[in-house]
Amino acid sequence: MKQVIINTILIFIVSILLVWGLSFASSLDTTIIIIFLLISLLHTSLIIALLIKKK
């Protein structure tokens, strides 16, 4: 359980850093699309890792 909480916090920190970094790098429309894709990829990988760990 402790590892799940740590992984979730790390995913949110990386997501915030990506939003902050990409917001300076490109236009608004492109930034929003890239941010949503990256955040969904990170959260999906976290869910898959949790499902594999439970098996």
N, C-alpha and C. Protein backbone atom coordinates (compact mmCIF):
# COMPACT_ATOMS: atom_id res chain seq x y z
N MET A 1 0.82 -1.20 0.00
CA MET A 1 0.00 0.00 0.00
C MET A 1 0.87 1.26 0.00
N LYS A 2 1.96 1.21 0.73
CA LYS A 2 2.86 2.36 0.80
C LYS A 2 3.45 2.67 -0.58
N GLN A 3 3.80 1.61 -1.33
CA GLN A 3 4.38 1.79 -2.66
C GLN A 3 3.35 2.39 -3.62
N VAL A 4 2.09 2.02 -3.49
CA VAL A 4 1.04 2.57 -4.34
C VAL A 4 0.90 4.07 -4.11
N ILE A 5 0.93 4.49 -2.86
CA ILE A 5 0.81 5.91 -2.53
C ILE A 5 2.00 6.68 -3.07
N ILE A 6 3.19 6.12 -2.92
CA ILE A 6 4.40 6.78 -3.43
C ILE A 6 4.34 6.90 -4.94
N ASN A 7 3.93 5.83 -5.63
CA ASN A 7 3.83 5.87 -7.09
C ASN A 7 2.80 6.90 -7.55
N THR A 8 1.67 6.97 -6.87
CA THR A 8 0.64 7.94 -7.23
C THR A 8 1.14 9.36 -7.06
N ILE A 9 1.83 9.63 -5.97
CA ILE A 9 2.38 10.97 -5.74
C ILE A 9 3.41 11.31 -6.81
N LEU A 10 4.26 10.35 -7.16
CA LEU A 10 5.26 10.60 -8.21
C LEU A 10 4.60 10.88 -9.56
N ILE A 11 3.54 10.15 -9.89
CA ILE A 11 2.83 10.39 -11.15
C ILE A 11 2.26 11.80 -11.17
N PHE A 12 1.66 12.25 -10.07
CA PHE A 12 1.10 13.60 -10.03
C PHE A 12 2.19 14.66 -10.12
N ILE A 13 3.33 14.43 -9.48
CA ILE A 13 4.43 15.40 -9.56
C ILE A 13 4.95 15.49 -10.99
N VAL A 14 5.14 14.34 -11.63
CA VAL A 14 5.61 14.34 -13.02
C VAL A 14 4.58 15.02 -13.92
N SER A 15 3.29 14.77 -13.69
CA SER A 15 2.25 15.41 -14.49
C SER A 15 2.28 16.93 -14.34
N ILE A 16 2.44 17.40 -13.11
CA ILE A 16 2.51 18.85 -12.88
C ILE A 16 3.73 19.45 -13.56
N LEU A 17 4.87 18.76 -13.47
CA LEU A 17 6.08 19.26 -14.14
C LEU A 17 5.91 19.28 -15.65
N LEU A 18 5.24 18.27 -16.22
CA LEU A 18 5.00 18.26 -17.65
C LEU A 18 4.10 19.41 -18.07
N VAL A 19 3.05 19.66 -17.31
CA VAL A 19 2.14 20.77 -17.62
C VAL A 19 2.91 22.09 -17.57
N TRP A 20 3.70 22.26 -16.54
CA TRP A 20 4.46 23.51 -16.37
C TRP A 20 5.49 23.68 -17.48
N GLY A 21 6.20 22.60 -17.81
CA GLY A 21 7.24 22.67 -18.83
C GLY A 21 6.68 22.87 -20.23
N LEU A 22 5.62 22.17 -20.56
CA LEU A 22 5.07 22.25 -21.91
C LEU A 22 4.28 23.53 -22.13
N SER A 23 3.81 24.16 -21.08
CA SER A 23 3.04 25.39 -21.26
C SER A 23 3.91 26.52 -21.78
N PHE A 24 5.22 26.46 -21.54
CA PHE A 24 6.12 27.48 -22.06
C PHE A 24 6.63 27.15 -23.45
N ALA A 25 6.54 25.88 -23.86
CA ALA A 25 7.22 25.42 -25.06
C ALA A 25 6.40 25.55 -26.34
N SER A 26 5.08 25.61 -26.25
CA SER A 26 4.29 25.59 -27.48
C SER A 26 3.01 26.39 -27.31
N SER A 27 2.24 26.42 -28.39
CA SER A 27 0.99 27.17 -28.35
C SER A 27 -0.02 26.48 -27.44
N LEU A 28 -1.09 27.18 -27.11
CA LEU A 28 -2.06 26.69 -26.13
C LEU A 28 -2.77 25.42 -26.58
N ASP A 29 -3.23 25.37 -27.84
CA ASP A 29 -3.97 24.20 -28.32
C ASP A 29 -3.09 22.95 -28.31
N THR A 30 -1.88 23.09 -28.81
CA THR A 30 -0.96 21.95 -28.84
C THR A 30 -0.61 21.51 -27.43
N THR A 31 -0.41 22.45 -26.55
CA THR A 31 -0.05 22.13 -25.17
C THR A 31 -1.15 21.33 -24.49
N ILE A 32 -2.38 21.74 -24.66
CA ILE A 32 -3.50 21.04 -24.01
C ILE A 32 -3.59 19.60 -24.50
N ILE A 33 -3.45 19.39 -25.80
CA ILE A 33 -3.53 18.04 -26.36
C ILE A 33 -2.38 17.18 -25.84
N ILE A 34 -1.17 17.71 -25.88
CA ILE A 34 0.00 16.94 -25.42
C ILE A 34 -0.10 16.64 -23.93
N ILE A 35 -0.53 17.60 -23.15
CA ILE A 35 -0.65 17.40 -21.70
C ILE A 35 -1.65 16.30 -21.39
N PHE A 36 -2.81 16.33 -22.02
CA PHE A 36 -3.81 15.29 -21.75
C PHE A 36 -3.31 13.91 -22.18
N LEU A 37 -2.61 13.84 -23.32
CA LEU A 37 -2.08 12.55 -23.76
C LEU A 37 -1.03 12.01 -22.80
N LEU A 38 -0.12 12.87 -22.35
CA LEU A 38 0.93 12.41 -21.45
C LEU A 38 0.39 12.02 -20.08
N ILE A 39 -0.53 12.82 -19.56
CA ILE A 39 -1.10 12.50 -18.25
C ILE A 39 -1.91 11.20 -18.32
N SER A 40 -2.67 11.01 -19.39
CA SER A 40 -3.42 9.77 -19.51
C SER A 40 -2.49 8.57 -19.67
N LEU A 41 -1.38 8.76 -20.37
CA LEU A 41 -0.40 7.69 -20.51
C LEU A 41 0.23 7.34 -19.16
N LEU A 42 0.58 8.33 -18.38
CA LEU A 42 1.17 8.09 -17.07
C LEU A 42 0.19 7.38 -16.13
N HIS A 43 -1.05 7.83 -16.12
CA HIS A 43 -2.04 7.21 -15.23
C HIS A 43 -2.40 5.80 -15.70
N THR A 44 -2.43 5.58 -17.00
CA THR A 44 -2.69 4.24 -17.51
C THR A 44 -1.57 3.29 -17.13
N SER A 45 -0.33 3.76 -17.24
CA SER A 45 0.79 2.90 -16.87
C SER A 45 0.78 2.60 -15.37
N LEU A 46 0.34 3.55 -14.56
CA LEU A 46 0.22 3.30 -13.12
C LEU A 46 -0.84 2.24 -12.84
N ILE A 47 -1.97 2.33 -13.51
CA ILE A 47 -3.05 1.35 -13.31
C ILE A 47 -2.60 -0.04 -13.76
N ILE A 48 -1.90 -0.12 -14.90
CA ILE A 48 -1.41 -1.41 -15.38
C ILE A 48 -0.40 -2.00 -14.40
N ALA A 49 0.48 -1.16 -13.88
CA ALA A 49 1.47 -1.64 -12.91
C ALA A 49 0.79 -2.16 -11.65
N LEU A 50 -0.25 -1.48 -11.21
CA LEU A 50 -0.97 -1.94 -10.02
C LEU A 50 -1.69 -3.26 -10.27
N LEU A 51 -2.27 -3.42 -11.46
CA LEU A 51 -2.96 -4.66 -11.79
C LEU A 51 -1.99 -5.83 -11.89
N ILE A 52 -0.82 -5.58 -12.47
CA ILE A 52 0.19 -6.64 -12.58
C ILE A 52 0.71 -7.02 -11.20
N LYS A 53 0.88 -6.02 -10.35
CA LYS A 53 1.40 -6.28 -9.01
C LYS A 53 0.42 -7.12 -8.18
N LYS A 54 -0.89 -6.92 -8.38
CA LYS A 54 -1.89 -7.68 -7.62
C LYS A 54 -1.89 -9.15 -8.01
N LYS A 55 -1.56 -9.45 -9.26
CA LYS A 55 -1.52 -10.85 -9.70
C LYS A 55 -0.37 -11.52 -9.02
